[in-house]
Amino acid sequence: MEPIYIFTLTGAFAMGAALSARQVSHDIIDQAKLNNADAQIPEVTVPARYLFAGNLAAVALIVSLVYGGQNFAWWIPVSSLVVSFPAIYYIFLRRILKATVGSLVYAGLALIGMIPMIQQWVA
């Protein structure tokens, strides 16, 4: 498989998972604020699976950027991080799955995308 496809798909899914996990966290915190508008806001906990998926996706995004930096000119990973990956998330991925399911599915897809990267590094 071509390195540009591996880089783009893995990076887009990793960015999508990280942004979806962030959205889940913000939704839970906002819901707690609405439910306890008059009382003191209690400590809010976000389910660990979403935090784990978001952190794992952030690591996958960094690995994807390193892979892109080794295979392409420096501006390709940088422009993808700033423009392409967020655009793919906000235009396509966010509309396909809700944030709760999306953070888990996209993190899994990003991990699957890391397999060819690691195989190429080892070989």
N, C-alpha and C. Protein backbone atom coordinates (compact mmCIF):
# COMPACT_ATOMS: atom_id res chain seq x y z
N MET A 1 0.85 -1.18 0.00
CA MET A 1 0.00 0.00 0.00
C MET A 1 0.89 1.24 0.00
N GLU A 2 0.44 2.24 -0.70
CA GLU A 2 1.22 3.47 -0.81
C GLU A 2 1.31 4.19 0.54
N PRO A 3 2.47 4.76 0.85
CA PRO A 3 2.63 5.45 2.14
C PRO A 3 1.68 6.64 2.33
N ILE A 4 1.31 7.32 1.25
CA ILE A 4 0.42 8.47 1.41
C ILE A 4 -0.97 8.03 1.87
N TYR A 5 -1.43 6.87 1.39
CA TYR A 5 -2.74 6.37 1.82
C TYR A 5 -2.71 5.94 3.28
N ILE A 6 -1.64 5.24 3.64
CA ILE A 6 -1.50 4.80 5.03
C ILE A 6 -1.46 6.01 5.96
N PHE A 7 -0.66 7.00 5.60
CA PHE A 7 -0.53 8.22 6.40
C PHE A 7 -1.85 8.96 6.52
N THR A 8 -2.53 9.15 5.40
CA THR A 8 -3.77 9.93 5.40
C THR A 8 -4.88 9.24 6.18
N LEU A 9 -5.09 7.96 5.93
CA LEU A 9 -6.17 7.27 6.62
C LEU A 9 -5.91 7.12 8.11
N THR A 10 -4.69 6.74 8.46
CA THR A 10 -4.36 6.59 9.88
C THR A 10 -4.45 7.92 10.61
N GLY A 11 -3.90 8.96 10.01
CA GLY A 11 -3.95 10.28 10.64
C GLY A 11 -5.36 10.82 10.76
N ALA A 12 -6.17 10.62 9.73
CA ALA A 12 -7.55 11.12 9.77
C ALA A 12 -8.37 10.39 10.84
N PHE A 13 -8.23 9.07 10.92
CA PHE A 13 -8.96 8.33 11.93
C PHE A 13 -8.46 8.64 13.34
N ALA A 14 -7.16 8.85 13.47
CA ALA A 14 -6.61 9.20 14.79
C ALA A 14 -7.11 10.58 15.23
N MET A 15 -7.12 11.52 14.32
CA MET A 15 -7.65 12.85 14.64
C MET A 15 -9.13 12.78 14.95
N GLY A 16 -9.86 11.98 14.19
CA GLY A 16 -11.28 11.81 14.43
C GLY A 16 -11.57 11.21 15.80
N ALA A 17 -10.78 10.22 16.19
CA ALA A 17 -10.98 9.58 17.50
C ALA A 17 -10.64 10.55 18.63
N ALA A 18 -9.57 11.30 18.48
CA ALA A 18 -9.19 12.25 19.52
C ALA A 18 -10.23 13.36 19.66
N LEU A 19 -10.71 13.88 18.56
CA LEU A 19 -11.72 14.94 18.63
C LEU A 19 -13.06 14.42 19.12
N SER A 20 -13.40 13.19 18.78
CA SER A 20 -14.64 12.59 19.28
C SER A 20 -14.57 12.37 20.78
N ALA A 21 -13.44 11.90 21.27
CA ALA A 21 -13.27 11.70 22.72
C ALA A 21 -13.34 13.04 23.46
N ARG A 22 -12.79 14.08 22.86
CA ARG A 22 -12.89 15.41 23.46
C ARG A 22 -14.34 15.86 23.52
N GLN A 23 -15.09 15.59 22.46
CA GLN A 23 -16.49 15.97 22.43
C GLN A 23 -17.31 15.22 23.48
N VAL A 24 -17.01 13.94 23.67
CA VAL A 24 -17.70 13.15 24.70
C VAL A 24 -17.42 13.75 26.07
N SER A 25 -16.19 14.10 26.34
CA SER A 25 -15.83 14.70 27.64
C SER A 25 -16.58 16.00 27.87
N HIS A 26 -16.61 16.84 26.85
CA HIS A 26 -17.30 18.13 26.98
C HIS A 26 -18.81 17.94 27.15
N ASP A 27 -19.38 16.98 26.45
CA ASP A 27 -20.81 16.72 26.59
C ASP A 27 -21.16 16.26 28.00
N ILE A 28 -20.35 15.39 28.58
CA ILE A 28 -20.60 14.90 29.94
C ILE A 28 -20.47 16.02 30.96
N ILE A 29 -19.47 16.86 30.80
CA ILE A 29 -19.27 17.99 31.73
C ILE A 29 -20.41 18.99 31.60
N ASP A 30 -20.82 19.30 30.36
CA ASP A 30 -21.94 20.23 30.16
C ASP A 30 -23.25 19.69 30.71
N GLN A 31 -23.48 18.40 30.56
CA GLN A 31 -24.68 17.78 31.10
C GLN A 31 -24.69 17.84 32.62
N ALA A 32 -23.54 17.64 33.24
CA ALA A 32 -23.46 17.73 34.70
C ALA A 32 -23.72 19.16 35.17
N LYS A 33 -23.25 20.14 34.42
CA LYS A 33 -23.50 21.53 34.78
C LYS A 33 -24.98 21.88 34.66
N LEU A 34 -25.64 21.36 33.64
CA LEU A 34 -27.07 21.64 33.48
C LEU A 34 -27.91 20.97 34.57
N ASN A 35 -27.54 19.77 34.95
CA ASN A 35 -28.31 19.04 35.96
C ASN A 35 -28.14 19.64 37.35
N ASN A 36 -27.03 20.27 37.60
CA ASN A 36 -26.74 20.83 38.93
C ASN A 36 -26.56 22.34 38.82
N ALA A 37 -27.49 23.01 38.19
CA ALA A 37 -27.36 24.45 37.96
C ALA A 37 -27.39 25.24 39.27
N ASP A 38 -28.24 24.83 40.22
CA ASP A 38 -28.36 25.58 41.46
C ASP A 38 -27.37 25.12 42.52
N ALA A 39 -27.11 23.86 42.55
CA ALA A 39 -26.22 23.30 43.59
C ALA A 39 -24.77 23.43 43.15
N GLN A 40 -23.92 23.11 44.08
CA GLN A 40 -22.49 23.11 43.78
C GLN A 40 -22.20 21.97 42.82
N ILE A 41 -21.38 22.20 41.83
CA ILE A 41 -21.11 21.21 40.80
C ILE A 41 -20.23 20.10 41.39
N PRO A 42 -20.73 18.87 41.35
CA PRO A 42 -19.93 17.77 41.90
C PRO A 42 -18.82 17.38 40.94
N GLU A 43 -17.94 16.55 41.41
CA GLU A 43 -16.85 16.06 40.56
C GLU A 43 -17.45 15.18 39.48
N VAL A 44 -17.08 15.44 38.25
CA VAL A 44 -17.63 14.73 37.11
C VAL A 44 -16.57 13.75 36.61
N THR A 45 -17.00 12.53 36.32
CA THR A 45 -16.06 11.55 35.78
C THR A 45 -16.48 11.15 34.37
N VAL A 46 -15.52 11.10 33.51
CA VAL A 46 -15.72 10.66 32.14
C VAL A 46 -15.35 9.17 32.09
N PRO A 47 -16.14 8.34 31.44
CA PRO A 47 -15.80 6.92 31.36
C PRO A 47 -14.40 6.69 30.81
N ALA A 48 -13.72 5.75 31.40
CA ALA A 48 -12.31 5.52 31.08
C ALA A 48 -12.11 5.07 29.64
N ARG A 49 -13.07 4.40 29.06
CA ARG A 49 -12.87 3.90 27.69
C ARG A 49 -12.74 5.05 26.70
N TYR A 50 -13.45 6.16 26.94
CA TYR A 50 -13.33 7.30 26.04
C TYR A 50 -12.01 8.04 26.24
N LEU A 51 -11.58 8.16 27.48
CA LEU A 51 -10.29 8.77 27.75
C LEU A 51 -9.16 7.94 27.15
N PHE A 52 -9.26 6.62 27.32
CA PHE A 52 -8.24 5.73 26.78
C PHE A 52 -8.22 5.80 25.25
N ALA A 53 -9.39 5.81 24.63
CA ALA A 53 -9.47 5.89 23.17
C ALA A 53 -8.88 7.21 22.67
N GLY A 54 -9.17 8.30 23.37
CA GLY A 54 -8.63 9.60 22.96
C GLY A 54 -7.13 9.68 23.11
N ASN A 55 -6.61 9.16 24.21
CA ASN A 55 -5.16 9.18 24.42
C ASN A 55 -4.44 8.25 23.45
N LEU A 56 -5.02 7.10 23.20
CA LEU A 56 -4.45 6.17 22.23
C LEU A 56 -4.47 6.77 20.83
N ALA A 57 -5.51 7.49 20.51
CA ALA A 57 -5.60 8.15 19.21
C ALA A 57 -4.57 9.27 19.10
N ALA A 58 -4.31 9.97 20.18
CA ALA A 58 -3.28 11.01 20.15
C ALA A 58 -1.90 10.41 19.88
N VAL A 59 -1.63 9.27 20.49
CA VAL A 59 -0.36 8.58 20.23
C VAL A 59 -0.30 8.12 18.77
N ALA A 60 -1.41 7.58 18.26
CA ALA A 60 -1.46 7.14 16.86
C ALA A 60 -1.26 8.33 15.92
N LEU A 61 -1.79 9.48 16.28
CA LEU A 61 -1.61 10.68 15.46
C LEU A 61 -0.14 11.10 15.43
N ILE A 62 0.52 11.04 16.56
CA ILE A 62 1.94 11.39 16.61
C ILE A 62 2.76 10.40 15.78
N VAL A 63 2.45 9.11 15.91
CA VAL A 63 3.16 8.09 15.11
C VAL A 63 2.92 8.33 13.63
N SER A 64 1.70 8.68 13.27
CA SER A 64 1.38 8.96 11.88
C SER A 64 2.16 10.17 11.36
N LEU A 65 2.29 11.19 12.18
CA LEU A 65 3.05 12.38 11.77
C LEU A 65 4.54 12.07 11.62
N VAL A 66 5.07 11.24 12.50
CA VAL A 66 6.48 10.84 12.37
C VAL A 66 6.67 10.04 11.09
N TYR A 67 5.74 9.13 10.82
CA TYR A 67 5.79 8.34 9.58
C TYR A 67 5.72 9.25 8.36
N GLY A 68 4.82 10.22 8.39
CA GLY A 68 4.71 11.17 7.30
C GLY A 68 5.96 12.03 7.14
N GLY A 69 6.57 12.40 8.27
CA GLY A 69 7.79 13.19 8.21
C GLY A 69 8.96 12.42 7.62
N GLN A 70 8.98 11.11 7.81
CA GLN A 70 10.06 10.29 7.26
C GLN A 70 9.86 9.99 5.78
N ASN A 71 8.63 9.98 5.31
CA ASN A 71 8.37 9.58 3.93
C ASN A 71 8.07 10.73 2.98
N PHE A 72 7.74 11.89 3.49
CA PHE A 72 7.33 13.00 2.64
C PHE A 72 8.09 14.27 3.02
N ALA A 73 7.86 15.31 2.23
CA ALA A 73 8.42 16.62 2.56
C ALA A 73 7.78 17.11 3.86
N TRP A 74 8.46 17.97 4.57
CA TRP A 74 8.01 18.40 5.90
C TRP A 74 6.63 19.05 5.88
N TRP A 75 6.29 19.71 4.80
CA TRP A 75 5.04 20.47 4.77
C TRP A 75 3.81 19.58 4.63
N ILE A 76 3.96 18.37 4.15
CA ILE A 76 2.80 17.48 3.98
C ILE A 76 2.22 17.07 5.34
N PRO A 77 3.02 16.56 6.28
CA PRO A 77 2.44 16.23 7.60
C PRO A 77 1.92 17.46 8.34
N VAL A 78 2.63 18.58 8.22
CA VAL A 78 2.20 19.79 8.93
C VAL A 78 0.87 20.29 8.38
N SER A 79 0.74 20.35 7.07
CA SER A 79 -0.53 20.82 6.50
C SER A 79 -1.66 19.83 6.75
N SER A 80 -1.34 18.55 6.80
CA SER A 80 -2.36 17.55 7.11
C SER A 80 -2.85 17.71 8.54
N LEU A 81 -1.95 17.96 9.45
CA LEU A 81 -2.32 18.13 10.86
C LEU A 81 -3.20 19.36 11.05
N VAL A 82 -2.89 20.43 10.35
CA VAL A 82 -3.60 21.69 10.56
C VAL A 82 -4.86 21.80 9.71
N VAL A 83 -4.85 21.26 8.49
CA VAL A 83 -5.96 21.47 7.58
C VAL A 83 -6.71 20.18 7.25
N SER A 84 -6.02 19.22 6.70
CA SER A 84 -6.68 18.04 6.13
C SER A 84 -7.36 17.16 7.16
N PHE A 85 -6.65 16.78 8.23
CA PHE A 85 -7.24 15.88 9.21
C PHE A 85 -8.45 16.48 9.93
N PRO A 86 -8.37 17.73 10.40
CA PRO A 86 -9.59 18.31 11.00
C PRO A 86 -10.73 18.47 9.99
N ALA A 87 -10.40 18.79 8.74
CA ALA A 87 -11.45 18.94 7.73
C ALA A 87 -12.13 17.61 7.46
N ILE A 88 -11.35 16.54 7.36
CA ILE A 88 -11.94 15.21 7.15
C ILE A 88 -12.86 14.86 8.31
N TYR A 89 -12.43 15.19 9.53
CA TYR A 89 -13.27 14.88 10.68
C TYR A 89 -14.56 15.68 10.66
N TYR A 90 -14.46 17.00 10.52
CA TYR A 90 -15.66 17.84 10.62
C TYR A 90 -16.58 17.69 9.42
N ILE A 91 -16.06 17.36 8.25
CA ILE A 91 -16.92 17.24 7.07
C ILE A 91 -17.51 15.84 6.94
N PHE A 92 -16.69 14.81 7.21
CA PHE A 92 -17.17 13.44 6.95
C PHE A 92 -17.39 12.61 8.22
N LEU A 93 -16.34 12.43 9.00
CA LEU A 93 -16.39 11.46 10.09
C LEU A 93 -17.40 11.82 11.18
N ARG A 94 -17.53 13.09 11.46
CA ARG A 94 -18.47 13.52 12.49
C ARG A 94 -19.92 13.23 12.11
N ARG A 95 -20.20 13.24 10.83
CA ARG A 95 -21.55 12.98 10.35
C ARG A 95 -21.86 11.49 10.25
N ILE A 96 -20.82 10.66 10.16
CA ILE A 96 -21.04 9.22 10.01
C ILE A 96 -21.44 8.59 11.34
N LEU A 97 -20.67 8.87 12.40
CA LEU A 97 -20.94 8.28 13.71
C LEU A 97 -21.02 9.36 14.78
N LYS A 98 -21.83 9.11 15.80
CA LYS A 98 -21.88 10.02 16.94
C LYS A 98 -20.56 9.97 17.69
N ALA A 99 -20.32 10.95 18.53
CA ALA A 99 -19.03 11.05 19.22
C ALA A 99 -18.75 9.86 20.13
N THR A 100 -19.78 9.34 20.79
CA THR A 100 -19.55 8.24 21.72
C THR A 100 -19.07 6.99 21.00
N VAL A 101 -19.72 6.64 19.93
CA VAL A 101 -19.32 5.46 19.16
C VAL A 101 -18.10 5.77 18.30
N GLY A 102 -18.05 6.97 17.76
CA GLY A 102 -16.97 7.36 16.88
C GLY A 102 -15.61 7.33 17.53
N SER A 103 -15.53 7.76 18.79
CA SER A 103 -14.22 7.77 19.44
C SER A 103 -13.65 6.36 19.55
N LEU A 104 -14.50 5.38 19.79
CA LEU A 104 -14.02 4.00 19.92
C LEU A 104 -13.72 3.37 18.56
N VAL A 105 -14.60 3.57 17.59
CA VAL A 105 -14.42 2.98 16.27
C VAL A 105 -13.21 3.60 15.56
N TYR A 106 -13.12 4.92 15.60
CA TYR A 106 -12.02 5.58 14.90
C TYR A 106 -10.68 5.28 15.56
N ALA A 107 -10.66 5.11 16.87
CA ALA A 107 -9.41 4.72 17.54
C ALA A 107 -9.00 3.32 17.10
N GLY A 108 -9.95 2.41 16.97
CA GLY A 108 -9.64 1.08 16.47
C GLY A 108 -9.12 1.10 15.05
N LEU A 109 -9.73 1.91 14.19
CA LEU A 109 -9.26 2.03 12.81
C LEU A 109 -7.87 2.66 12.73
N ALA A 110 -7.60 3.61 13.62
CA ALA A 110 -6.26 4.21 13.64
C ALA A 110 -5.22 3.18 14.07
N LEU A 111 -5.56 2.33 15.03
CA LEU A 111 -4.63 1.28 15.45
C LEU A 111 -4.39 0.27 14.33
N ILE A 112 -5.44 -0.06 13.59
CA ILE A 112 -5.28 -0.96 12.45
C ILE A 112 -4.38 -0.31 11.39
N GLY A 113 -4.52 0.99 11.21
CA GLY A 113 -3.68 1.71 10.26
C GLY A 113 -2.23 1.79 10.67
N MET A 114 -1.96 1.66 11.96
CA MET A 114 -0.57 1.69 12.43
C MET A 114 0.18 0.40 12.11
N ILE A 115 -0.53 -0.68 11.84
CA ILE A 115 0.11 -1.96 11.56
C ILE A 115 1.02 -1.88 10.33
N PRO A 116 0.55 -1.37 9.16
CA PRO A 116 1.47 -1.27 8.02
C PRO A 116 2.62 -0.29 8.26
N MET A 117 2.39 0.74 9.06
CA MET A 117 3.49 1.67 9.37
C MET A 117 4.60 0.95 10.12
N ILE A 118 4.21 0.22 11.14
CA ILE A 118 5.20 -0.48 11.96
C ILE A 118 5.88 -1.57 11.14
N GLN A 119 5.13 -2.25 10.28
CA GLN A 119 5.74 -3.26 9.42
C GLN A 119 6.76 -2.65 8.48
N GLN A 120 6.49 -1.46 7.98
CA GLN A 120 7.44 -0.80 7.09
C GLN A 120 8.69 -0.34 7.85
N TRP A 121 8.52 0.08 9.10
CA TRP A 121 9.67 0.49 9.89
C TRP A 121 10.55 -0.70 10.23
N VAL A 122 9.94 -1.85 10.53
CA VAL A 122 10.70 -3.02 10.92
C VAL A 122 11.42 -3.62 9.72
N ALA A 123 10.76 -3.61 8.56
CA ALA A 123 11.35 -4.25 7.36
C ALA A 123 12.50 -3.46 6.79
